[in-house]
All heavy atoms as atom14 arrays in JSON, in Angstrom:
{
  "sequence": "AEELAVGAKAVVEQGVMDDVDACYGIHIWSMVDSPKINMEIGE",
  "atom14_mask": [
    [1, 1, 1, 1, 1, 0, 0, 0, 0, 0, 0, 0, 0, 0],
    [1, 1, 1, 1, 1, 1, 1, 1, 1, 0, 0, 0, 0, 0],
    [1, 1, 1, 1, 1, 1, 1, 1, 1, 0, 0, 0, 0, 0],
    [1, 1, 1, 1, 1, 1, 1, 1, 0, 0, 0, 0, 0, 0],
    [1, 1, 1, 1, 1, 0, 0, 0, 0, 0, 0, 0, 0, 0],
    [1, 1, 1, 1, 1, 1, 1, 0, 0, 0, 0, 0, 0, 0],
    [1, 1, 1, 1, 0, 0, 0, 0, 0, 0, 0, 0, 0, 0],
    [1, 1, 1, 1, 1, 0, 0, 0, 0, 0, 0, 0, 0, 0],
    [1, 1, 1, 1, 1, 1, 1, 1, 1, 0, 0, 0, 0, 0],
    [1, 1, 1, 1, 1, 0, 0, 0, 0, 0, 0, 0, 0, 0],
    [1, 1, 1, 1, 1, 1, 1, 0, 0, 0, 0, 0, 0, 0],
    [1, 1, 1, 1, 1, 1, 1, 0, 0, 0, 0, 0, 0, 0],
    [1, 1, 1, 1, 1, 1, 1, 1, 1, 0, 0, 0, 0, 0],
    [1, 1, 1, 1, 1, 1, 1, 1, 1, 0, 0, 0, 0, 0],
    [1, 1, 1, 1, 0, 0, 0, 0, 0, 0, 0, 0, 0, 0],
    [1, 1, 1, 1, 1, 1, 1, 0, 0, 0, 0, 0, 0, 0],
    [1, 1, 1, 1, 1, 1, 1, 1, 0, 0, 0, 0, 0, 0],
    [1, 1, 1, 1, 1, 1, 1, 1, 0, 0, 0, 0, 0, 0],
    [1, 1, 1, 1, 1, 1, 1, 1, 0, 0, 0, 0, 0, 0],
    [1, 1, 1, 1, 1, 1, 1, 0, 0, 0, 0, 0, 0, 0],
    [1, 1, 1, 1, 1, 1, 1, 1, 0, 0, 0, 0, 0, 0],
    [1, 1, 1, 1, 1, 0, 0, 0, 0, 0, 0, 0, 0, 0],
    [1, 1, 1, 1, 1, 1, 0, 0, 0, 0, 0, 0, 0, 0],
    [1, 1, 1, 1, 1, 1, 1, 1, 1, 1, 1, 1, 0, 0],
    [1, 1, 1, 1, 0, 0, 0, 0, 0, 0, 0, 0, 0, 0],
    [1, 1, 1, 1, 1, 1, 1, 1, 0, 0, 0, 0, 0, 0],
    [1, 1, 1, 1, 1, 1, 1, 1, 1, 1, 0, 0, 0, 0],
    [1, 1, 1, 1, 1, 1, 1, 1, 0, 0, 0, 0, 0, 0],
    [1, 1, 1, 1, 1, 1, 1, 1, 1, 1, 1, 1, 1, 1],
    [1, 1, 1, 1, 1, 1, 0, 0, 0, 0, 0, 0, 0, 0],
    [1, 1, 1, 1, 1, 1, 1, 1, 0, 0, 0, 0, 0, 0],
    [1, 1, 1, 1, 1, 1, 1, 0, 0, 0, 0, 0, 0, 0],
    [1, 1, 1, 1, 1, 1, 1, 1, 0, 0, 0, 0, 0, 0],
    [1, 1, 1, 1, 1, 1, 0, 0, 0, 0, 0, 0, 0, 0],
    [1, 1, 1, 1, 1, 1, 1, 0, 0, 0, 0, 0, 0, 0],
    [1, 1, 1, 1, 1, 1, 1, 1, 1, 0, 0, 0, 0, 0],
    [1, 1, 1, 1, 1, 1, 1, 1, 0, 0, 0, 0, 0, 0],
    [1, 1, 1, 1, 1, 1, 1, 1, 0, 0, 0, 0, 0, 0],
    [1, 1, 1, 1, 1, 1, 1, 1, 0, 0, 0, 0, 0, 0],
    [1, 1, 1, 1, 1, 1, 1, 1, 1, 0, 0, 0, 0, 0],
    [1, 1, 1, 1, 1, 1, 1, 1, 0, 0, 0, 0, 0, 0],
    [1, 1, 1, 1, 0, 0, 0, 0, 0, 0, 0, 0, 0, 0],
    [1, 1, 1, 1, 1, 1, 1, 1, 1, 0, 0, 0, 0, 0]
  ],
  "atom14_positions": [
    [[0.79, -1.24, 0.0], [0.0, 0.0, 0.0], [0.82, 1.29, 0.0], [0.43, 2.26, 0.65], [-0.96, -0.01, 1.2], [0.0, 0.0, 0.0], [0.0, 0.0, 0.0], [0.0, 0.0, 0.0], [0.0, 0.0, 0.0], [0.0, 0.0, 0.0], [0.0, 0.0, 0.0], [0.0, 0.0, 0.0], [0.0, 0.0, 0.0], [0.0, 0.0, 0.0]],
    [[1.9, 1.31, -0.77], [2.67, 2.55, -0.87], [1.95, 3.58, -1.73], [2.01, 4.78, -1.46], [4.06, 2.28, -1.44], [4.98, 3.49, -1.47], [4.8, 4.41, -2.67], [4.38, 3.92, -3.75], [5.05, 5.63, -2.54], [0.0, 0.0, 0.0], [0.0, 0.0, 0.0], [0.0, 0.0, 0.0], [0.0, 0.0, 0.0], [0.0, 0.0, 0.0]],
    [[1.27, 3.11, -2.77], [0.66, 4.05, -3.73], [-0.44, 4.91, -3.1], [-0.73, 5.98, -3.61], [0.11, 3.29, -4.94], [1.18, 2.63, -5.81], [2.11, 3.62, -6.49], [1.78, 4.82, -6.51], [3.15, 3.19, -7.01], [0.0, 0.0, 0.0], [0.0, 0.0, 0.0], [0.0, 0.0, 0.0], [0.0, 0.0, 0.0], [0.0, 0.0, 0.0]],
    [[-1.04, 4.46, -2.03], [-2.01, 5.28, -1.3], [-1.41, 5.87, -0.03], [-2.11, 6.51, 0.76], [-3.25, 4.45, -0.94], [-4.18, 4.08, -2.1], [-5.38, 3.29, -1.58], [-4.66, 5.31, -2.87], [0.0, 0.0, 0.0], [0.0, 0.0, 0.0], [0.0, 0.0, 0.0], [0.0, 0.0, 0.0], [0.0, 0.0, 0.0], [0.0, 0.0, 0.0]],
    [[-0.11, 5.64, 0.16], [0.62, 6.19, 1.31], [0.01, 5.78, 2.65], [0.0, 6.56, 3.6], [0.71, 7.72, 1.21], [0.0, 0.0, 0.0], [0.0, 0.0, 0.0], [0.0, 0.0, 0.0], [0.0, 0.0, 0.0], [0.0, 0.0, 0.0], [0.0, 0.0, 0.0], [0.0, 0.0, 0.0], [0.0, 0.0, 0.0], [0.0, 0.0, 0.0]],
    [[-0.47, 4.54, 2.72], [-1.02, 4.05, 3.99], [-0.27, 2.82, 4.51], [-0.41, 2.45, 5.68], [-2.52, 3.72, 3.87], [-3.32, 4.97, 3.56], [-2.78, 2.65, 2.81], [0.0, 0.0, 0.0], [0.0, 0.0, 0.0], [0.0, 0.0, 0.0], [0.0, 0.0, 0.0], [0.0, 0.0, 0.0], [0.0, 0.0, 0.0], [0.0, 0.0, 0.0]],
    [[0.54, 2.19, 3.66], [1.2, 0.94, 4.05], [2.3, 1.11, 5.08], [2.36, 0.37, 6.07], [0.0, 0.0, 0.0], [0.0, 0.0, 0.0], [0.0, 0.0, 0.0], [0.0, 0.0, 0.0], [0.0, 0.0, 0.0], [0.0, 0.0, 0.0], [0.0, 0.0, 0.0], [0.0, 0.0, 0.0], [0.0, 0.0, 0.0], [0.0, 0.0, 0.0]],
    [[3.17, 2.09, 4.88], [4.27, 2.29, 5.82], [3.74, 2.65, 7.21], [4.22, 2.14, 8.23], [5.21, 3.38, 5.31], [0.0, 0.0, 0.0], [0.0, 0.0, 0.0], [0.0, 0.0, 0.0], [0.0, 0.0, 0.0], [0.0, 0.0, 0.0], [0.0, 0.0, 0.0], [0.0, 0.0, 0.0], [0.0, 0.0, 0.0], [0.0, 0.0, 0.0]],
    [[2.75, 3.52, 7.25], [2.16, 3.9, 8.54], [1.59, 2.68, 9.25], [1.79, 2.5, 10.46], [1.06, 4.94, 8.32], [0.41, 5.41, 9.61], [-0.68, 6.43, 9.33], [-1.33, 6.91, 10.62], [-2.44, 7.87, 10.37], [0.0, 0.0, 0.0], [0.0, 0.0, 0.0], [0.0, 0.0, 0.0], [0.0, 0.0, 0.0], [0.0, 0.0, 0.0]],
    [[0.92, 1.81, 8.48], [0.3, 0.63, 9.07], [1.32, -0.33, 9.66], [1.17, -0.82, 10.78], [-0.56, -0.1, 8.02], [0.0, 0.0, 0.0], [0.0, 0.0, 0.0], [0.0, 0.0, 0.0], [0.0, 0.0, 0.0], [0.0, 0.0, 0.0], [0.0, 0.0, 0.0], [0.0, 0.0, 0.0], [0.0, 0.0, 0.0], [0.0, 0.0, 0.0]],
    [[2.4, -0.6, 8.92], [3.39, -1.56, 9.43], [4.19, -0.98, 10.58], [4.62, -1.7, 11.49], [4.31, -2.09, 8.3], [3.49, -2.77, 7.22], [5.18, -0.99, 7.7], [0.0, 0.0, 0.0], [0.0, 0.0, 0.0], [0.0, 0.0, 0.0], [0.0, 0.0, 0.0], [0.0, 0.0, 0.0], [0.0, 0.0, 0.0], [0.0, 0.0, 0.0]],
    [[4.39, 0.34, 10.57], [5.05, 1.0, 11.7], [4.19, 0.87, 12.96], [4.68, 0.55, 14.05], [5.35, 2.48, 11.39], [5.7, 3.24, 12.66], [6.49, 2.59, 10.38], [0.0, 0.0, 0.0], [0.0, 0.0, 0.0], [0.0, 0.0, 0.0], [0.0, 0.0, 0.0], [0.0, 0.0, 0.0], [0.0, 0.0, 0.0], [0.0, 0.0, 0.0]],
    [[2.89, 1.1, 12.8], [1.98, 0.99, 13.94], [1.92, -0.44, 14.49], [1.62, -0.64, 15.67], [0.58, 1.46, 13.54], [0.49, 2.97, 13.33], [-0.85, 3.42, 12.8], [-1.64, 2.55, 12.36], [-1.12, 4.64, 12.82], [0.0, 0.0, 0.0], [0.0, 0.0, 0.0], [0.0, 0.0, 0.0], [0.0, 0.0, 0.0], [0.0, 0.0, 0.0]],
    [[2.25, -1.41, 13.63], [2.25, -2.8, 14.07], [3.63, -3.27, 14.55], [3.86, -4.45, 14.76], [1.71, -3.71, 12.96], [0.24, -3.44, 12.65], [-0.37, -4.42, 11.68], [-0.1, -5.62, 11.74], [-1.2, -3.92, 10.77], [0.0, 0.0, 0.0], [0.0, 0.0, 0.0], [0.0, 0.0, 0.0], [0.0, 0.0, 0.0], [0.0, 0.0, 0.0]],
    [[4.55, -2.31, 14.72], [5.8, -2.59, 15.4], [6.98, -3.02, 14.57], [8.01, -3.41, 15.13], [0.0, 0.0, 0.0], [0.0, 0.0, 0.0], [0.0, 0.0, 0.0], [0.0, 0.0, 0.0], [0.0, 0.0, 0.0], [0.0, 0.0, 0.0], [0.0, 0.0, 0.0], [0.0, 0.0, 0.0], [0.0, 0.0, 0.0], [0.0, 0.0, 0.0]],
    [[6.89, -2.89, 13.24], [7.99, -3.39, 12.42], [9.3, -2.64, 12.66], [10.39, -3.17, 12.46], [7.61, -3.35, 10.92], [7.67, -1.93, 10.37], [8.5, -4.26, 10.08], [0.0, 0.0, 0.0], [0.0, 0.0, 0.0], [0.0, 0.0, 0.0], [0.0, 0.0, 0.0], [0.0, 0.0, 0.0], [0.0, 0.0, 0.0], [0.0, 0.0, 0.0]],
    [[9.21, -1.39, 13.14], [10.4, -0.57, 13.35], [10.85, -0.52, 14.8], [11.83, 0.16, 15.12], [10.13, 0.86, 12.86], [9.91, 1.0, 11.37], [11.39, 0.63, 10.41], [12.45, 1.98, 10.89], [0.0, 0.0, 0.0], [0.0, 0.0, 0.0], [0.0, 0.0, 0.0], [0.0, 0.0, 0.0], [0.0, 0.0, 0.0], [0.0, 0.0, 0.0]],
    [[10.16, -1.22, 15.68], [10.42, -1.05, 17.12], [11.85, -1.37, 17.54], [12.38, -0.75, 18.46], [9.44, -1.91, 17.93], [8.03, -1.35, 17.91], [7.84, -0.26, 17.35], [7.11, -2.01, 18.44], [0.0, 0.0, 0.0], [0.0, 0.0, 0.0], [0.0, 0.0, 0.0], [0.0, 0.0, 0.0], [0.0, 0.0, 0.0], [0.0, 0.0, 0.0]],
    [[12.48, -2.34, 16.89], [13.84, -2.73, 17.28], [14.88, -2.39, 16.22], [15.99, -2.91, 16.22], [13.88, -4.24, 17.57], [13.42, -5.06, 16.37], [12.88, -4.47, 15.4], [13.6, -6.3, 16.39], [0.0, 0.0, 0.0], [0.0, 0.0, 0.0], [0.0, 0.0, 0.0], [0.0, 0.0, 0.0], [0.0, 0.0, 0.0], [0.0, 0.0, 0.0]],
    [[14.51, -1.49, 15.3], [15.38, -1.18, 14.15], [16.29, -0.01, 14.47], [15.85, 1.03, 14.97], [14.52, -0.89, 12.9], [15.38, -0.36, 11.76], [13.78, -2.15, 12.46], [0.0, 0.0, 0.0], [0.0, 0.0, 0.0], [0.0, 0.0, 0.0], [0.0, 0.0, 0.0], [0.0, 0.0, 0.0], [0.0, 0.0, 0.0], [0.0, 0.0, 0.0]],
    [[17.58, -0.16, 14.14], [18.57, 0.9, 14.36], [18.77, 1.78, 13.13], [19.21, 2.93, 13.25], [19.91, 0.28, 14.77], [19.79, -0.47, 16.08], [19.57, 0.18, 17.12], [19.92, -1.72, 16.08], [0.0, 0.0, 0.0], [0.0, 0.0, 0.0], [0.0, 0.0, 0.0], [0.0, 0.0, 0.0], [0.0, 0.0, 0.0], [0.0, 0.0, 0.0]],
    [[18.48, 1.25, 11.94], [18.6, 2.03, 10.71], [17.75, 1.38, 9.63], [17.54, 0.16, 9.64], [20.05, 2.11, 10.24], [0.0, 0.0, 0.0], [0.0, 0.0, 0.0], [0.0, 0.0, 0.0], [0.0, 0.0, 0.0], [0.0, 0.0, 0.0], [0.0, 0.0, 0.0], [0.0, 0.0, 0.0], [0.0, 0.0, 0.0], [0.0, 0.0, 0.0]],
    [[17.24, 2.19, 8.7], [16.44, 1.65, 7.6], [16.97, 2.17, 6.27], [17.6, 3.23, 6.2], [14.96, 1.99, 7.78], [14.57, 3.74, 7.94], [0.0, 0.0, 0.0], [0.0, 0.0, 0.0], [0.0, 0.0, 0.0], [0.0, 0.0, 0.0], [0.0, 0.0, 0.0], [0.0, 0.0, 0.0], [0.0, 0.0, 0.0], [0.0, 0.0, 0.0]],
    [[16.67, 1.41, 5.23], [17.22, 1.68, 3.9], [16.13, 1.42, 2.86], [15.45, 0.4, 2.91], [18.41, 0.74, 3.66], [18.98, 0.73, 2.25], [20.09, 1.5, 1.92], [18.42, -0.08, 1.25], [20.64, 1.46, 0.63], [18.96, -0.12, -0.02], [20.06, 0.66, -0.33], [20.6, 0.62, -1.59], [0.0, 0.0, 0.0], [0.0, 0.0, 0.0]],
    [[15.97, 2.37, 1.94], [15.0, 2.19, 0.87], [15.52, 2.77, -0.43], [16.39, 3.66, -0.43], [0.0, 0.0, 0.0], [0.0, 0.0, 0.0], [0.0, 0.0, 0.0], [0.0, 0.0, 0.0], [0.0, 0.0, 0.0], [0.0, 0.0, 0.0], [0.0, 0.0, 0.0], [0.0, 0.0, 0.0], [0.0, 0.0, 0.0], [0.0, 0.0, 0.0]],
    [[14.99, 2.26, -1.54], [15.38, 2.78, -2.87], [14.16, 2.83, -3.77], [13.12, 2.24, -3.47], [16.47, 1.9, -3.54], [16.04, 0.42, -3.58], [17.8, 2.08, -2.85], [15.16, 0.03, -4.75], [0.0, 0.0, 0.0], [0.0, 0.0, 0.0], [0.0, 0.0, 0.0], [0.0, 0.0, 0.0], [0.0, 0.0, 0.0], [0.0, 0.0, 0.0]],
    [[14.33, 3.53, -4.89], [13.32, 3.51, -5.95], [14.02, 3.39, -7.28], [15.01, 4.08, -7.53], [12.46, 4.78, -5.93], [11.08, 4.56, -6.46], [10.83, 4.12, -7.74], [9.86, 4.69, -5.86], [9.52, 4.01, -7.92], [8.91, 4.33, -6.78], [0.0, 0.0, 0.0], [0.0, 0.0, 0.0], [0.0, 0.0, 0.0], [0.0, 0.0, 0.0]],
    [[13.54, 2.51, -8.13], [14.03, 2.44, -9.51], [13.52, 3.71, -10.19], [12.37, 4.1, -10.01], [13.52, 1.16, -10.21], [14.29, 0.89, -11.51], [12.02, 1.17, -10.44], [15.53, 0.1, -11.35], [0.0, 0.0, 0.0], [0.0, 0.0, 0.0], [0.0, 0.0, 0.0], [0.0, 0.0, 0.0], [0.0, 0.0, 0.0], [0.0, 0.0, 0.0]],
    [[14.37, 4.37, -11.0], [14.01, 5.72, -11.45], [14.43, 5.95, -12.9], [15.6, 5.81, -13.25], [14.64, 6.76, -10.54], [13.86, 8.02, -10.46], [14.21, 9.25, -10.93], [12.56, 8.17, -9.86], [13.22, 10.16, -10.65], [12.19, 9.53, -10.01], [11.66, 7.3, -9.24], [10.98, 10.03, -9.54], [10.46, 7.8, -8.78], [10.13, 9.14, -8.93]],
    [[13.46, 6.35, -13.71], [13.73, 6.54, -15.14], [14.47, 7.84, -15.45], [14.96, 8.02, -16.56], [12.42, 6.51, -15.92], [11.6, 7.61, -15.57], [0.0, 0.0, 0.0], [0.0, 0.0, 0.0], [0.0, 0.0, 0.0], [0.0, 0.0, 0.0], [0.0, 0.0, 0.0], [0.0, 0.0, 0.0], [0.0, 0.0, 0.0], [0.0, 0.0, 0.0]],
    [[14.55, 8.73, -14.49], [15.27, 9.98, -14.7], [16.75, 9.86, -14.37], [17.49, 10.85, -14.4], [14.65, 11.1, -13.85], [13.2, 11.41, -14.19], [12.97, 12.02, -15.89], [12.22, 10.57, -16.67], [0.0, 0.0, 0.0], [0.0, 0.0, 0.0], [0.0, 0.0, 0.0], [0.0, 0.0, 0.0], [0.0, 0.0, 0.0], [0.0, 0.0, 0.0]],
    [[17.19, 8.64, -14.05], [18.6, 8.36, -13.77], [19.08, 7.3, -14.75], [18.42, 6.29, -14.96], [18.8, 7.87, -12.32], [20.26, 7.54, -12.05], [18.3, 8.91, -11.33], [0.0, 0.0, 0.0], [0.0, 0.0, 0.0], [0.0, 0.0, 0.0], [0.0, 0.0, 0.0], [0.0, 0.0, 0.0], [0.0, 0.0, 0.0], [0.0, 0.0, 0.0]],
    [[20.25, 7.54, -15.34], [20.8, 6.58, -16.3], [21.23, 5.29, -15.61], [21.83, 5.32, -14.53], [22.01, 7.18, -17.02], [21.61, 8.26, -18.01], [20.47, 8.23, -18.5], [22.43, 9.16, -18.28], [0.0, 0.0, 0.0], [0.0, 0.0, 0.0], [0.0, 0.0, 0.0], [0.0, 0.0, 0.0], [0.0, 0.0, 0.0], [0.0, 0.0, 0.0]],
    [[20.9, 4.18, -16.23], [21.37, 2.88, -15.74], [22.84, 2.72, -16.12], [23.27, 3.12, -17.21], [20.55, 1.77, -16.4], [21.06, 0.51, -16.1], [0.0, 0.0, 0.0], [0.0, 0.0, 0.0], [0.0, 0.0, 0.0], [0.0, 0.0, 0.0], [0.0, 0.0, 0.0], [0.0, 0.0, 0.0], [0.0, 0.0, 0.0], [0.0, 0.0, 0.0]],
    [[23.66, 2.13, -15.23], [23.33, 1.57, -13.93], [23.77, 2.47, -12.77], [24.21, 1.98, -11.74], [24.11, 0.27, -13.95], [25.39, 0.65, -14.66], [25.01, 1.71, -15.67], [0.0, 0.0, 0.0], [0.0, 0.0, 0.0], [0.0, 0.0, 0.0], [0.0, 0.0, 0.0], [0.0, 0.0, 0.0], [0.0, 0.0, 0.0], [0.0, 0.0, 0.0]],
    [[23.68, 3.77, -12.97], [24.09, 4.71, -11.92], [23.16, 4.63, -10.71], [21.99, 4.24, -10.83], [24.08, 6.14, -12.45], [25.0, 6.38, -13.64], [26.44, 6.5, -13.21], [27.32, 6.97, -14.37], [28.72, 7.15, -13.98], [0.0, 0.0, 0.0], [0.0, 0.0, 0.0], [0.0, 0.0, 0.0], [0.0, 0.0, 0.0], [0.0, 0.0, 0.0]],
    [[23.67, 5.04, -9.56], [22.9, 5.01, -8.33], [23.07, 6.35, -7.61], [24.17, 6.9, -7.55], [23.36, 3.86, -7.42], [23.04, 2.51, -8.1], [22.69, 3.93, -6.05], [23.59, 1.3, -7.39], [0.0, 0.0, 0.0], [0.0, 0.0, 0.0], [0.0, 0.0, 0.0], [0.0, 0.0, 0.0], [0.0, 0.0, 0.0], [0.0, 0.0, 0.0]],
    [[21.96, 6.87, -7.11], [21.99, 8.14, -6.38], [21.77, 7.92, -4.89], [20.79, 7.31, -4.47], [20.91, 9.08, -6.91], [20.75, 10.32, -6.03], [19.84, 10.39, -5.21], [21.65, 11.27, -6.17], [0.0, 0.0, 0.0], [0.0, 0.0, 0.0], [0.0, 0.0, 0.0], [0.0, 0.0, 0.0], [0.0, 0.0, 0.0], [0.0, 0.0, 0.0]],
    [[22.71, 8.4, -4.1], [22.61, 8.42, -2.64], [23.19, 9.74, -2.18], [24.39, 9.96, -2.34], [23.41, 7.26, -2.01], [22.97, 5.87, -2.39], [21.47, 5.4, -1.52], [21.21, 3.75, -2.22], [0.0, 0.0, 0.0], [0.0, 0.0, 0.0], [0.0, 0.0, 0.0], [0.0, 0.0, 0.0], [0.0, 0.0, 0.0], [0.0, 0.0, 0.0]],
    [[22.37, 10.64, -1.65], [22.93, 11.92, -1.22], [22.16, 12.5, -0.04], [21.01, 12.15, 0.22], [23.0, 12.91, -2.38], [21.7, 13.27, -3.03], [21.91, 14.15, -4.26], [22.08, 15.37, -4.09], [21.91, 13.61, -5.39], [0.0, 0.0, 0.0], [0.0, 0.0, 0.0], [0.0, 0.0, 0.0], [0.0, 0.0, 0.0], [0.0, 0.0, 0.0]],
    [[22.83, 13.41, 0.65], [22.27, 14.03, 1.84], [21.19, 15.03, 1.46], [21.19, 15.58, 0.35], [23.39, 14.73, 2.65], [22.93, 15.06, 4.08], [23.89, 15.97, 1.92], [22.83, 13.88, 4.98], [0.0, 0.0, 0.0], [0.0, 0.0, 0.0], [0.0, 0.0, 0.0], [0.0, 0.0, 0.0], [0.0, 0.0, 0.0], [0.0, 0.0, 0.0]],
    [[20.24, 15.25, 2.38], [19.28, 16.33, 2.2], [17.9, 15.88, 1.75], [17.55, 14.7, 1.79], [0.0, 0.0, 0.0], [0.0, 0.0, 0.0], [0.0, 0.0, 0.0], [0.0, 0.0, 0.0], [0.0, 0.0, 0.0], [0.0, 0.0, 0.0], [0.0, 0.0, 0.0], [0.0, 0.0, 0.0], [0.0, 0.0, 0.0], [0.0, 0.0, 0.0]],
    [[17.11, 16.86, 1.31], [15.74, 16.62, 0.88], [15.72, 15.79, -0.4], [16.4, 16.1, -1.37], [15.04, 17.96, 0.64], [14.96, 18.82, 1.89], [14.54, 20.25, 1.62], [14.64, 20.68, 0.44], [14.13, 20.95, 2.56], [0.0, 0.0, 0.0], [0.0, 0.0, 0.0], [0.0, 0.0, 0.0], [0.0, 0.0, 0.0], [0.0, 0.0, 0.0]]
  ]
}
């Protein structure tokens, strides 16, 4: 349920993050040339 922006909230409320020290996520993106990867600080 990411497309309605309700899935992350639901799993957080059910404790999936309770013992987590760090989390990592990515998105496949057509505005970036393959096989480059973007990881940067900020917004």
